[in-house]
Amino acid sequence: EHFSDLDQERYAQLKPLLWFWQMF
């Protein structure tokens, strides 16, 4: 989320899943 080249719209949908992956 700190990178300027992030596609905010695409990432917003995936962020919960990426967090789940890490926390799992």
mmCIF file of all heavy atoms, coordinates in Angstrom:
data_MODEL
# 
_entry.id   MODEL 
# 
loop_
_atom_site.group_PDB 
_atom_site.id 
_atom_site.type_symbol 
_atom_site.label_atom_id 
_atom_site.label_alt_id 
_atom_site.label_comp_id 
_atom_site.label_asym_id 
_atom_site.label_entity_id 
_atom_site.label_seq_id 
_atom_site.pdbx_PDB_ins_code 
_atom_site.Cartn_x 
_atom_site.Cartn_y 
_atom_site.Cartn_z 
_atom_site.occupancy 
_atom_site.B_iso_or_equiv 
_atom_site.pdbx_formal_charge 
_atom_site.auth_seq_id 
_atom_site.auth_comp_id 
_atom_site.auth_asym_id 
_atom_site.auth_atom_id 
_atom_site.pdbx_PDB_model_num 
ATOM 1   N N   . GLU A 1 1  ? 0.809   -1.222  0.000   1.00 0.00 ? 1  GLU A N   1 
ATOM 2   C CA  . GLU A 1 1  ? 0.000   0.000   0.000   1.00 0.00 ? 1  GLU A CA  1 
ATOM 3   C C   . GLU A 1 1  ? 0.844   1.275   0.000   1.00 0.00 ? 1  GLU A C   1 
ATOM 4   O O   . GLU A 1 1  ? 0.325   2.358   -0.210  1.00 0.00 ? 1  GLU A O   1 
ATOM 5   C CB  . GLU A 1 1  ? -0.946  -0.012  1.196   1.00 0.00 ? 1  GLU A CB  1 
ATOM 6   C CG  . GLU A 1 1  ? -1.983  -1.112  1.087   1.00 0.00 ? 1  GLU A CG  1 
ATOM 7   C CD  . GLU A 1 1  ? -2.852  -1.214  2.309   1.00 0.00 ? 1  GLU A CD  1 
ATOM 8   O OE1 . GLU A 1 1  ? -2.452  -1.936  3.262   1.00 0.00 ? 1  GLU A OE1 1 
ATOM 9   O OE2 . GLU A 1 1  ? -3.929  -0.583  2.317   1.00 0.00 ? 1  GLU A OE2 1 
ATOM 10  N N   . HIS A 1 2  ? 2.131   1.119   0.202   1.00 0.00 ? 2  HIS A N   1 
ATOM 11  C CA  . HIS A 1 2  ? 3.040   2.270   0.209   1.00 0.00 ? 2  HIS A CA  1 
ATOM 12  C C   . HIS A 1 2  ? 3.727   2.484   -1.145  1.00 0.00 ? 2  HIS A C   1 
ATOM 13  O O   . HIS A 1 2  ? 4.525   3.400   -1.284  1.00 0.00 ? 2  HIS A O   1 
ATOM 14  C CB  . HIS A 1 2  ? 4.093   2.102   1.310   1.00 0.00 ? 2  HIS A CB  1 
ATOM 15  C CG  . HIS A 1 2  ? 3.492   2.070   2.675   1.00 0.00 ? 2  HIS A CG  1 
ATOM 16  N ND1 . HIS A 1 2  ? 3.231   3.207   3.405   1.00 0.00 ? 2  HIS A ND1 1 
ATOM 17  C CD2 . HIS A 1 2  ? 3.062   1.036   3.440   1.00 0.00 ? 2  HIS A CD2 1 
ATOM 18  C CE1 . HIS A 1 2  ? 2.686   2.886   4.548   1.00 0.00 ? 2  HIS A CE1 1 
ATOM 19  N NE2 . HIS A 1 2  ? 2.559   1.570   4.603   1.00 0.00 ? 2  HIS A NE2 1 
ATOM 20  N N   . PHE A 1 3  ? 3.430   1.642   -2.133  1.00 0.00 ? 3  PHE A N   1 
ATOM 21  C CA  . PHE A 1 3  ? 4.067   1.748   -3.447  1.00 0.00 ? 3  PHE A CA  1 
ATOM 22  C C   . PHE A 1 3  ? 3.197   2.572   -4.390  1.00 0.00 ? 3  PHE A C   1 
ATOM 23  O O   . PHE A 1 3  ? 1.982   2.372   -4.466  1.00 0.00 ? 3  PHE A O   1 
ATOM 24  C CB  . PHE A 1 3  ? 4.318   0.364   -4.056  1.00 0.00 ? 3  PHE A CB  1 
ATOM 25  C CG  . PHE A 1 3  ? 5.243   -0.507  -3.237  1.00 0.00 ? 3  PHE A CG  1 
ATOM 26  C CD1 . PHE A 1 3  ? 5.063   -1.866  -3.189  1.00 0.00 ? 3  PHE A CD1 1 
ATOM 27  C CD2 . PHE A 1 3  ? 6.292   0.046   -2.515  1.00 0.00 ? 3  PHE A CD2 1 
ATOM 28  C CE1 . PHE A 1 3  ? 5.909   -2.676  -2.444  1.00 0.00 ? 3  PHE A CE1 1 
ATOM 29  C CE2 . PHE A 1 3  ? 7.147   -0.750  -1.767  1.00 0.00 ? 3  PHE A CE2 1 
ATOM 30  C CZ  . PHE A 1 3  ? 6.947   -2.128  -1.734  1.00 0.00 ? 3  PHE A CZ  1 
ATOM 31  N N   . SER A 1 4  ? 3.840   3.457   -5.130  1.00 0.00 ? 4  SER A N   1 
ATOM 32  C CA  . SER A 1 4  ? 3.101   4.373   -6.008  1.00 0.00 ? 4  SER A CA  1 
ATOM 33  C C   . SER A 1 4  ? 2.516   3.669   -7.230  1.00 0.00 ? 4  SER A C   1 
ATOM 34  O O   . SER A 1 4  ? 1.565   4.166   -7.830  1.00 0.00 ? 4  SER A O   1 
ATOM 35  C CB  . SER A 1 4  ? 3.999   5.531   -6.445  1.00 0.00 ? 4  SER A CB  1 
ATOM 36  O OG  . SER A 1 4  ? 5.116   5.031   -7.162  1.00 0.00 ? 4  SER A OG  1 
ATOM 37  N N   . ASP A 1 5  ? 3.051   2.516   -7.625  1.00 0.00 ? 5  ASP A N   1 
ATOM 38  C CA  . ASP A 1 5  ? 2.548   1.823   -8.821  1.00 0.00 ? 5  ASP A CA  1 
ATOM 39  C C   . ASP A 1 5  ? 1.406   0.849   -8.509  1.00 0.00 ? 5  ASP A C   1 
ATOM 40  O O   . ASP A 1 5  ? 0.936   0.137   -9.389  1.00 0.00 ? 5  ASP A O   1 
ATOM 41  C CB  . ASP A 1 5  ? 3.679   1.100   -9.552  1.00 0.00 ? 5  ASP A CB  1 
ATOM 42  C CG  . ASP A 1 5  ? 4.393   0.057   -8.706  1.00 0.00 ? 5  ASP A CG  1 
ATOM 43  O OD1 . ASP A 1 5  ? 4.190   0.032   -7.471  1.00 0.00 ? 5  ASP A OD1 1 
ATOM 44  O OD2 . ASP A 1 5  ? 5.171   -0.730  -9.265  1.00 0.00 ? 5  ASP A OD2 1 
ATOM 45  N N   . LEU A 1 6  ? 0.926   0.837   -7.282  1.00 0.00 ? 6  LEU A N   1 
ATOM 46  C CA  . LEU A 1 6  ? -0.166  -0.044  -6.873  1.00 0.00 ? 6  LEU A CA  1 
ATOM 47  C C   . LEU A 1 6  ? -1.454  0.326   -7.613  1.00 0.00 ? 6  LEU A C   1 
ATOM 48  O O   . LEU A 1 6  ? -1.826  1.488   -7.673  1.00 0.00 ? 6  LEU A O   1 
ATOM 49  C CB  . LEU A 1 6  ? -0.398  0.088   -5.362  1.00 0.00 ? 6  LEU A CB  1 
ATOM 50  C CG  . LEU A 1 6  ? -1.587  -0.668  -4.780  1.00 0.00 ? 6  LEU A CG  1 
ATOM 51  C CD1 . LEU A 1 6  ? -1.321  -2.165  -4.792  1.00 0.00 ? 6  LEU A CD1 1 
ATOM 52  C CD2 . LEU A 1 6  ? -1.852  -0.203  -3.360  1.00 0.00 ? 6  LEU A CD2 1 
ATOM 53  N N   . ASP A 1 7  ? -2.128  -0.672  -8.167  1.00 0.00 ? 7  ASP A N   1 
ATOM 54  C CA  . ASP A 1 7  ? -3.451  -0.483  -8.759  1.00 0.00 ? 7  ASP A CA  1 
ATOM 55  C C   . ASP A 1 7  ? -4.449  -0.589  -7.592  1.00 0.00 ? 7  ASP A C   1 
ATOM 56  O O   . ASP A 1 7  ? -4.816  -1.690  -7.164  1.00 0.00 ? 7  ASP A O   1 
ATOM 57  C CB  . ASP A 1 7  ? -3.714  -1.555  -9.811  1.00 0.00 ? 7  ASP A CB  1 
ATOM 58  C CG  . ASP A 1 7  ? -5.063  -1.421  -10.493 1.00 0.00 ? 7  ASP A CG  1 
ATOM 59  O OD1 . ASP A 1 7  ? -6.021  -0.920  -9.860  1.00 0.00 ? 7  ASP A OD1 1 
ATOM 60  O OD2 . ASP A 1 7  ? -5.160  -1.846  -11.661 1.00 0.00 ? 7  ASP A OD2 1 
ATOM 61  N N   . GLN A 1 8  ? -4.874  0.551   -7.072  1.00 0.00 ? 8  GLN A N   1 
ATOM 62  C CA  . GLN A 1 8  ? -5.696  0.609   -5.872  1.00 0.00 ? 8  GLN A CA  1 
ATOM 63  C C   . GLN A 1 8  ? -6.973  -0.228  -5.984  1.00 0.00 ? 8  GLN A C   1 
ATOM 64  O O   . GLN A 1 8  ? -7.354  -0.928  -5.047  1.00 0.00 ? 8  GLN A O   1 
ATOM 65  C CB  . GLN A 1 8  ? -6.072  2.069   -5.550  1.00 0.00 ? 8  GLN A CB  1 
ATOM 66  C CG  . GLN A 1 8  ? -4.910  2.941   -5.190  1.00 0.00 ? 8  GLN A CG  1 
ATOM 67  C CD  . GLN A 1 8  ? -4.384  2.692   -3.789  1.00 0.00 ? 8  GLN A CD  1 
ATOM 68  O OE1 . GLN A 1 8  ? -5.052  2.097   -2.949  1.00 0.00 ? 8  GLN A OE1 1 
ATOM 69  N NE2 . GLN A 1 8  ? -3.172  3.141   -3.536  1.00 0.00 ? 8  GLN A NE2 1 
ATOM 70  N N   . GLU A 1 9  ? -7.632  -0.152  -7.117  1.00 0.00 ? 9  GLU A N   1 
ATOM 71  C CA  . GLU A 1 9  ? -8.902  -0.856  -7.286  1.00 0.00 ? 9  GLU A CA  1 
ATOM 72  C C   . GLU A 1 9  ? -8.713  -2.374  -7.262  1.00 0.00 ? 9  GLU A C   1 
ATOM 73  O O   . GLU A 1 9  ? -9.439  -3.094  -6.583  1.00 0.00 ? 9  GLU A O   1 
ATOM 74  C CB  . GLU A 1 9  ? -9.576  -0.416  -8.592  1.00 0.00 ? 9  GLU A CB  1 
ATOM 75  C CG  . GLU A 1 9  ? -10.982 -0.943  -8.735  1.00 0.00 ? 9  GLU A CG  1 
ATOM 76  C CD  . GLU A 1 9  ? -11.669 -0.380  -9.967  1.00 0.00 ? 9  GLU A CD  1 
ATOM 77  O OE1 . GLU A 1 9  ? -11.441 0.807   -10.291 1.00 0.00 ? 9  GLU A OE1 1 
ATOM 78  O OE2 . GLU A 1 9  ? -12.423 -1.138  -10.587 1.00 0.00 ? 9  GLU A OE2 1 
ATOM 79  N N   . ARG A 1 10 ? -7.727  -2.855  -8.017  1.00 0.00 ? 10 ARG A N   1 
ATOM 80  C CA  . ARG A 1 10 ? -7.477  -4.299  -8.035  1.00 0.00 ? 10 ARG A CA  1 
ATOM 81  C C   . ARG A 1 10 ? -7.006  -4.791  -6.675  1.00 0.00 ? 10 ARG A C   1 
ATOM 82  O O   . ARG A 1 10 ? -7.410  -5.853  -6.203  1.00 0.00 ? 10 ARG A O   1 
ATOM 83  C CB  . ARG A 1 10 ? -6.419  -4.643  -9.091  1.00 0.00 ? 10 ARG A CB  1 
ATOM 84  C CG  . ARG A 1 10 ? -6.932  -4.516  -10.514 1.00 0.00 ? 10 ARG A CG  1 
ATOM 85  C CD  . ARG A 1 10 ? -5.826  -4.721  -11.516 1.00 0.00 ? 10 ARG A CD  1 
ATOM 86  N NE  . ARG A 1 10 ? -5.544  -6.138  -11.704 1.00 0.00 ? 10 ARG A NE  1 
ATOM 87  C CZ  . ARG A 1 10 ? -4.532  -6.591  -12.428 1.00 0.00 ? 10 ARG A CZ  1 
ATOM 88  N NH1 . ARG A 1 10 ? -3.717  -5.754  -13.046 1.00 0.00 ? 10 ARG A NH1 1 
ATOM 89  N NH2 . ARG A 1 10 ? -4.330  -7.879  -12.556 1.00 0.00 ? 10 ARG A NH2 1 
ATOM 90  N N   . TYR A 1 11 ? -6.147  -4.014  -6.037  1.00 0.00 ? 11 TYR A N   1 
ATOM 91  C CA  . TYR A 1 11 ? -5.576  -4.425  -4.758  1.00 0.00 ? 11 TYR A CA  1 
ATOM 92  C C   . TYR A 1 11 ? -6.628  -4.433  -3.644  1.00 0.00 ? 11 TYR A C   1 
ATOM 93  O O   . TYR A 1 11 ? -6.598  -5.307  -2.775  1.00 0.00 ? 11 TYR A O   1 
ATOM 94  C CB  . TYR A 1 11 ? -4.414  -3.503  -4.385  1.00 0.00 ? 11 TYR A CB  1 
ATOM 95  C CG  . TYR A 1 11 ? -3.627  -4.006  -3.204  1.00 0.00 ? 11 TYR A CG  1 
ATOM 96  C CD1 . TYR A 1 11 ? -2.708  -5.036  -3.344  1.00 0.00 ? 11 TYR A CD1 1 
ATOM 97  C CD2 . TYR A 1 11 ? -3.804  -3.464  -1.942  1.00 0.00 ? 11 TYR A CD2 1 
ATOM 98  C CE1 . TYR A 1 11 ? -1.985  -5.510  -2.261  1.00 0.00 ? 11 TYR A CE1 1 
ATOM 99  C CE2 . TYR A 1 11 ? -3.092  -3.929  -0.848  1.00 0.00 ? 11 TYR A CE2 1 
ATOM 100 C CZ  . TYR A 1 11 ? -2.175  -4.947  -1.021  1.00 0.00 ? 11 TYR A CZ  1 
ATOM 101 O OH  . TYR A 1 11 ? -1.471  -5.416  0.058   1.00 0.00 ? 11 TYR A OH  1 
ATOM 102 N N   . ALA A 1 12 ? -7.546  -3.493  -3.663  1.00 0.00 ? 12 ALA A N   1 
ATOM 103 C CA  . ALA A 1 12 ? -8.568  -3.415  -2.610  1.00 0.00 ? 12 ALA A CA  1 
ATOM 104 C C   . ALA A 1 12 ? -9.335  -4.725  -2.492  1.00 0.00 ? 12 ALA A C   1 
ATOM 105 O O   . ALA A 1 12 ? -9.639  -5.187  -1.384  1.00 0.00 ? 12 ALA A O   1 
ATOM 106 C CB  . ALA A 1 12 ? -9.524  -2.258  -2.877  1.00 0.00 ? 12 ALA A CB  1 
ATOM 107 N N   . GLN A 1 13 ? -9.629  -5.341  -3.605  1.00 0.00 ? 13 GLN A N   1 
ATOM 108 C CA  . GLN A 1 13 ? -10.382 -6.605  -3.611  1.00 0.00 ? 13 GLN A CA  1 
ATOM 109 C C   . GLN A 1 13 ? -9.530  -7.759  -3.069  1.00 0.00 ? 13 GLN A C   1 
ATOM 110 O O   . GLN A 1 13 ? -10.049 -8.696  -2.470  1.00 0.00 ? 13 GLN A O   1 
ATOM 111 C CB  . GLN A 1 13 ? -10.852 -6.909  -5.030  1.00 0.00 ? 13 GLN A CB  1 
ATOM 112 C CG  . GLN A 1 13 ? -11.795 -8.067  -5.134  1.00 0.00 ? 13 GLN A CG  1 
ATOM 113 C CD  . GLN A 1 13 ? -12.248 -8.301  -6.565  1.00 0.00 ? 13 GLN A CD  1 
ATOM 114 O OE1 . GLN A 1 13 ? -11.534 -7.992  -7.517  1.00 0.00 ? 13 GLN A OE1 1 
ATOM 115 N NE2 . GLN A 1 13 ? -13.431 -8.843  -6.704  1.00 0.00 ? 13 GLN A NE2 1 
ATOM 116 N N   . LEU A 1 14 ? -8.203  -7.672  -3.253  1.00 0.00 ? 14 LEU A N   1 
ATOM 117 C CA  . LEU A 1 14 ? -7.311  -8.761  -2.862  1.00 0.00 ? 14 LEU A CA  1 
ATOM 118 C C   . LEU A 1 14 ? -6.720  -8.608  -1.472  1.00 0.00 ? 14 LEU A C   1 
ATOM 119 O O   . LEU A 1 14 ? -6.284  -9.582  -0.873  1.00 0.00 ? 14 LEU A O   1 
ATOM 120 C CB  . LEU A 1 14 ? -6.169  -8.885  -3.878  1.00 0.00 ? 14 LEU A CB  1 
ATOM 121 C CG  . LEU A 1 14 ? -6.583  -9.151  -5.318  1.00 0.00 ? 14 LEU A CG  1 
ATOM 122 C CD1 . LEU A 1 14 ? -5.360  -9.249  -6.205  1.00 0.00 ? 14 LEU A CD1 1 
ATOM 123 C CD2 . LEU A 1 14 ? -7.433  -10.399 -5.427  1.00 0.00 ? 14 LEU A CD2 1 
ATOM 124 N N   . LYS A 1 15 ? -6.680  -7.390  -0.961  1.00 0.00 ? 15 LYS A N   1 
ATOM 125 C CA  . LYS A 1 15 ? -6.014  -7.153  0.330   1.00 0.00 ? 15 LYS A CA  1 
ATOM 126 C C   . LYS A 1 15 ? -6.523  -8.073  1.439   1.00 0.00 ? 15 LYS A C   1 
ATOM 127 O O   . LYS A 1 15 ? -5.704  -8.652  2.167   1.00 0.00 ? 15 LYS A O   1 
ATOM 128 C CB  . LYS A 1 15 ? -6.146  -5.688  0.747   1.00 0.00 ? 15 LYS A CB  1 
ATOM 129 C CG  . LYS A 1 15 ? -5.496  -5.417  2.088   1.00 0.00 ? 15 LYS A CG  1 
ATOM 130 C CD  . LYS A 1 15 ? -5.717  -4.011  2.563   1.00 0.00 ? 15 LYS A CD  1 
ATOM 131 C CE  . LYS A 1 15 ? -5.204  -3.847  3.985   1.00 0.00 ? 15 LYS A CE  1 
ATOM 132 N NZ  . LYS A 1 15 ? -5.497  -2.527  4.527   1.00 0.00 ? 15 LYS A NZ  1 
ATOM 133 N N   . PRO A 1 16 ? -7.841  -8.251  1.617   1.00 0.00 ? 16 PRO A N   1 
ATOM 134 C CA  . PRO A 1 16 ? -8.276  -9.175  2.680   1.00 0.00 ? 16 PRO A CA  1 
ATOM 135 C C   . PRO A 1 16 ? -7.727  -10.592 2.490   1.00 0.00 ? 16 PRO A C   1 
ATOM 136 O O   . PRO A 1 16 ? -7.352  -11.252 3.458   1.00 0.00 ? 16 PRO A O   1 
ATOM 137 C CB  . PRO A 1 16 ? -9.804  -9.165  2.566   1.00 0.00 ? 16 PRO A CB  1 
ATOM 138 C CG  . PRO A 1 16 ? -10.128 -7.875  1.904   1.00 0.00 ? 16 PRO A CG  1 
ATOM 139 C CD  . PRO A 1 16 ? -8.985  -7.609  0.968   1.00 0.00 ? 16 PRO A CD  1 
ATOM 140 N N   . LEU A 1 17 ? -7.635  -11.037 1.238   1.00 0.00 ? 17 LEU A N   1 
ATOM 141 C CA  . LEU A 1 17 ? -7.149  -12.389 0.968   1.00 0.00 ? 17 LEU A CA  1 
ATOM 142 C C   . LEU A 1 17 ? -5.650  -12.490 1.224   1.00 0.00 ? 17 LEU A C   1 
ATOM 143 O O   . LEU A 1 17 ? -5.165  -13.508 1.724   1.00 0.00 ? 17 LEU A O   1 
ATOM 144 C CB  . LEU A 1 17 ? -7.477  -12.789 -0.467  1.00 0.00 ? 17 LEU A CB  1 
ATOM 145 C CG  . LEU A 1 17 ? -8.947  -12.645 -0.879  1.00 0.00 ? 17 LEU A CG  1 
ATOM 146 C CD1 . LEU A 1 17 ? -9.164  -13.133 -2.291  1.00 0.00 ? 17 LEU A CD1 1 
ATOM 147 C CD2 . LEU A 1 17 ? -9.868  -13.357 0.099   1.00 0.00 ? 17 LEU A CD2 1 
ATOM 148 N N   . LEU A 1 18 ? -4.901  -11.438 0.887   1.00 0.00 ? 18 LEU A N   1 
ATOM 149 C CA  . LEU A 1 18 ? -3.462  -11.416 1.156   1.00 0.00 ? 18 LEU A CA  1 
ATOM 150 C C   . LEU A 1 18 ? -3.193  -11.417 2.662   1.00 0.00 ? 18 LEU A C   1 
ATOM 151 O O   . LEU A 1 18 ? -2.273  -12.082 3.144   1.00 0.00 ? 18 LEU A O   1 
ATOM 152 C CB  . LEU A 1 18 ? -2.815  -10.205 0.487   1.00 0.00 ? 18 LEU A CB  1 
ATOM 153 C CG  . LEU A 1 18 ? -2.827  -10.228 -1.044  1.00 0.00 ? 18 LEU A CG  1 
ATOM 154 C CD1 . LEU A 1 18 ? -2.470  -8.859  -1.605  1.00 0.00 ? 18 LEU A CD1 1 
ATOM 155 C CD2 . LEU A 1 18 ? -1.893  -11.302 -1.581  1.00 0.00 ? 18 LEU A CD2 1 
ATOM 156 N N   . TRP A 1 19 ? -4.016  -10.674 3.413   1.00 0.00 ? 19 TRP A N   1 
ATOM 157 C CA  . TRP A 1 19 ? -3.883  -10.656 4.872   1.00 0.00 ? 19 TRP A CA  1 
ATOM 158 C C   . TRP A 1 19 ? -4.213  -12.029 5.451   1.00 0.00 ? 19 TRP A C   1 
ATOM 159 O O   . TRP A 1 19 ? -3.531  -12.528 6.348   1.00 0.00 ? 19 TRP A O   1 
ATOM 160 C CB  . TRP A 1 19 ? -4.779  -9.572  5.464   1.00 0.00 ? 19 TRP A CB  1 
ATOM 161 C CG  . TRP A 1 19 ? -4.651  -9.421  6.946   1.00 0.00 ? 19 TRP A CG  1 
ATOM 162 C CD1 . TRP A 1 19 ? -5.643  -9.576  7.870   1.00 0.00 ? 19 TRP A CD1 1 
ATOM 163 C CD2 . TRP A 1 19 ? -3.486  -9.074  7.690   1.00 0.00 ? 19 TRP A CD2 1 
ATOM 164 N NE1 . TRP A 1 19 ? -5.162  -9.341  9.145   1.00 0.00 ? 19 TRP A NE1 1 
ATOM 165 C CE2 . TRP A 1 19 ? -3.830  -9.040  9.057   1.00 0.00 ? 19 TRP A CE2 1 
ATOM 166 C CE3 . TRP A 1 19 ? -2.164  -8.800  7.335   1.00 0.00 ? 19 TRP A CE3 1 
ATOM 167 C CZ2 . TRP A 1 19 ? -2.911  -8.741  10.068  1.00 0.00 ? 19 TRP A CZ2 1 
ATOM 168 C CZ3 . TRP A 1 19 ? -1.245  -8.506  8.345   1.00 0.00 ? 19 TRP A CZ3 1 
ATOM 169 C CH2 . TRP A 1 19 ? -1.635  -8.480  9.682   1.00 0.00 ? 19 TRP A CH2 1 
ATOM 170 N N   . PHE A 1 20 ? -5.251  -12.667 4.925   1.00 0.00 ? 20 PHE A N   1 
ATOM 171 C CA  . PHE A 1 20 ? -5.632  -14.010 5.367   1.00 0.00 ? 20 PHE A CA  1 
ATOM 172 C C   . PHE A 1 20 ? -4.480  -14.979 5.116   1.00 0.00 ? 20 PHE A C   1 
ATOM 173 O O   . PHE A 1 20 ? -4.132  -15.797 5.980   1.00 0.00 ? 20 PHE A O   1 
ATOM 174 C CB  . PHE A 1 20 ? -6.892  -14.438 4.620   1.00 0.00 ? 20 PHE A CB  1 
ATOM 175 C CG  . PHE A 1 20 ? -7.694  -15.540 5.257   1.00 0.00 ? 20 PHE A CG  1 
ATOM 176 C CD1 . PHE A 1 20 ? -7.436  -16.014 6.531   1.00 0.00 ? 20 PHE A CD1 1 
ATOM 177 C CD2 . PHE A 1 20 ? -8.757  -16.098 4.566   1.00 0.00 ? 20 PHE A CD2 1 
ATOM 178 C CE1 . PHE A 1 20 ? -8.197  -17.021 7.111   1.00 0.00 ? 20 PHE A CE1 1 
ATOM 179 C CE2 . PHE A 1 20 ? -9.526  -17.105 5.125   1.00 0.00 ? 20 PHE A CE2 1 
ATOM 180 C CZ  . PHE A 1 20 ? -9.243  -17.567 6.396   1.00 0.00 ? 20 PHE A CZ  1 
ATOM 181 N N   . TRP A 1 21 ? -3.882  -14.915 3.930   1.00 0.00 ? 21 TRP A N   1 
ATOM 182 C CA  . TRP A 1 21 ? -2.738  -15.762 3.559   1.00 0.00 ? 21 TRP A CA  1 
ATOM 183 C C   . TRP A 1 21 ? -1.631  -15.603 4.597   1.00 0.00 ? 21 TRP A C   1 
ATOM 184 O O   . TRP A 1 21 ? -1.117  -16.583 5.133   1.00 0.00 ? 21 TRP A O   1 
ATOM 185 C CB  . TRP A 1 21 ? -2.257  -15.342 2.183   1.00 0.00 ? 21 TRP A CB  1 
ATOM 186 C CG  . TRP A 1 21 ? -1.090  -16.047 1.598   1.00 0.00 ? 21 TRP A CG  1 
ATOM 187 C CD1 . TRP A 1 21 ? 0.177   -16.155 2.123   1.00 0.00 ? 21 TRP A CD1 1 
ATOM 188 C CD2 . TRP A 1 21 ? -1.036  -16.728 0.352   1.00 0.00 ? 21 TRP A CD2 1 
ATOM 189 N NE1 . TRP A 1 21 ? 0.995   -16.840 1.278   1.00 0.00 ? 21 TRP A NE1 1 
ATOM 190 C CE2 . TRP A 1 21 ? 0.273   -17.204 0.181   1.00 0.00 ? 21 TRP A CE2 1 
ATOM 191 C CE3 . TRP A 1 21 ? -1.976  -16.953 -0.652  1.00 0.00 ? 21 TRP A CE3 1 
ATOM 192 C CZ2 . TRP A 1 21 ? 0.679   -17.902 -0.953  1.00 0.00 ? 21 TRP A CZ2 1 
ATOM 193 C CZ3 . TRP A 1 21 ? -1.561  -17.650 -1.781  1.00 0.00 ? 21 TRP A CZ3 1 
ATOM 194 C CH2 . TRP A 1 21 ? -0.267  -18.127 -1.925  1.00 0.00 ? 21 TRP A CH2 1 
ATOM 195 N N   . GLN A 1 22 ? -1.243  -14.355 4.879   1.00 0.00 ? 22 GLN A N   1 
ATOM 196 C CA  . GLN A 1 22 ? -0.154  -14.104 5.830   1.00 0.00 ? 22 GLN A CA  1 
ATOM 197 C C   . GLN A 1 22 ? -0.496  -14.594 7.230   1.00 0.00 ? 22 GLN A C   1 
ATOM 198 O O   . GLN A 1 22 ? 0.323   -15.238 7.896   1.00 0.00 ? 22 GLN A O   1 
ATOM 199 C CB  . GLN A 1 22 ? 0.159   -12.608 5.890   1.00 0.00 ? 22 GLN A CB  1 
ATOM 200 C CG  . GLN A 1 22 ? 0.878   -12.084 4.689   1.00 0.00 ? 22 GLN A CG  1 
ATOM 201 C CD  . GLN A 1 22 ? 1.204   -10.603 4.836   1.00 0.00 ? 22 GLN A CD  1 
ATOM 202 O OE1 . GLN A 1 22 ? 1.297   -10.075 5.941   1.00 0.00 ? 22 GLN A OE1 1 
ATOM 203 N NE2 . GLN A 1 22 ? 1.375   -9.928  3.714   1.00 0.00 ? 22 GLN A NE2 1 
ATOM 204 N N   . MET A 1 23 ? -1.683  -14.293 7.694   1.00 0.00 ? 23 MET A N   1 
ATOM 205 C CA  . MET A 1 23 ? -2.066  -14.656 9.055   1.00 0.00 ? 23 MET A CA  1 
ATOM 206 C C   . MET A 1 23 ? -2.284  -16.162 9.200   1.00 0.00 ? 23 MET A C   1 
ATOM 207 O O   . MET A 1 23 ? -2.012  -16.733 10.263  1.00 0.00 ? 23 MET A O   1 
ATOM 208 C CB  . MET A 1 23 ? -3.303  -13.876 9.491   1.00 0.00 ? 23 MET A CB  1 
ATOM 209 C CG  . MET A 1 23 ? -3.053  -12.378 9.603   1.00 0.00 ? 23 MET A CG  1 
ATOM 210 S SD  . MET A 1 23 ? -1.653  -11.952 10.667  1.00 0.00 ? 23 MET A SD  1 
ATOM 211 C CE  . MET A 1 23 ? -2.307  -12.435 12.253  1.00 0.00 ? 23 MET A CE  1 
ATOM 212 N N   . PHE A 1 24 ? -2.762  -16.835 8.171   1.00 0.00 ? 24 PHE A N   1 
ATOM 213 C CA  . PHE A 1 24 ? -2.873  -18.289 8.184   1.00 0.00 ? 24 PHE A CA  1 
ATOM 214 C C   . PHE A 1 24 ? -1.491  -18.891 8.373   1.00 0.00 ? 24 PHE A C   1 
ATOM 215 O O   . PHE A 1 24 ? -1.290  -19.764 9.218   1.00 0.00 ? 24 PHE A O   1 
ATOM 216 C CB  . PHE A 1 24 ? -3.513  -18.790 6.882   1.00 0.00 ? 24 PHE A CB  1 
ATOM 217 C CG  . PHE A 1 24 ? -3.535  -20.290 6.765   1.00 0.00 ? 24 PHE A CG  1 
ATOM 218 C CD1 . PHE A 1 24 ? -4.595  -21.023 7.275   1.00 0.00 ? 24 PHE A CD1 1 
ATOM 219 C CD2 . PHE A 1 24 ? -2.499  -20.975 6.152   1.00 0.00 ? 24 PHE A CD2 1 
ATOM 220 C CE1 . PHE A 1 24 ? -4.619  -22.408 7.168   1.00 0.00 ? 24 PHE A CE1 1 
ATOM 221 C CE2 . PHE A 1 24 ? -2.512  -22.348 6.038   1.00 0.00 ? 24 PHE A CE2 1 
ATOM 222 C CZ  . PHE A 1 24 ? -3.573  -23.074 6.552   1.00 0.00 ? 24 PHE A CZ  1 
# 
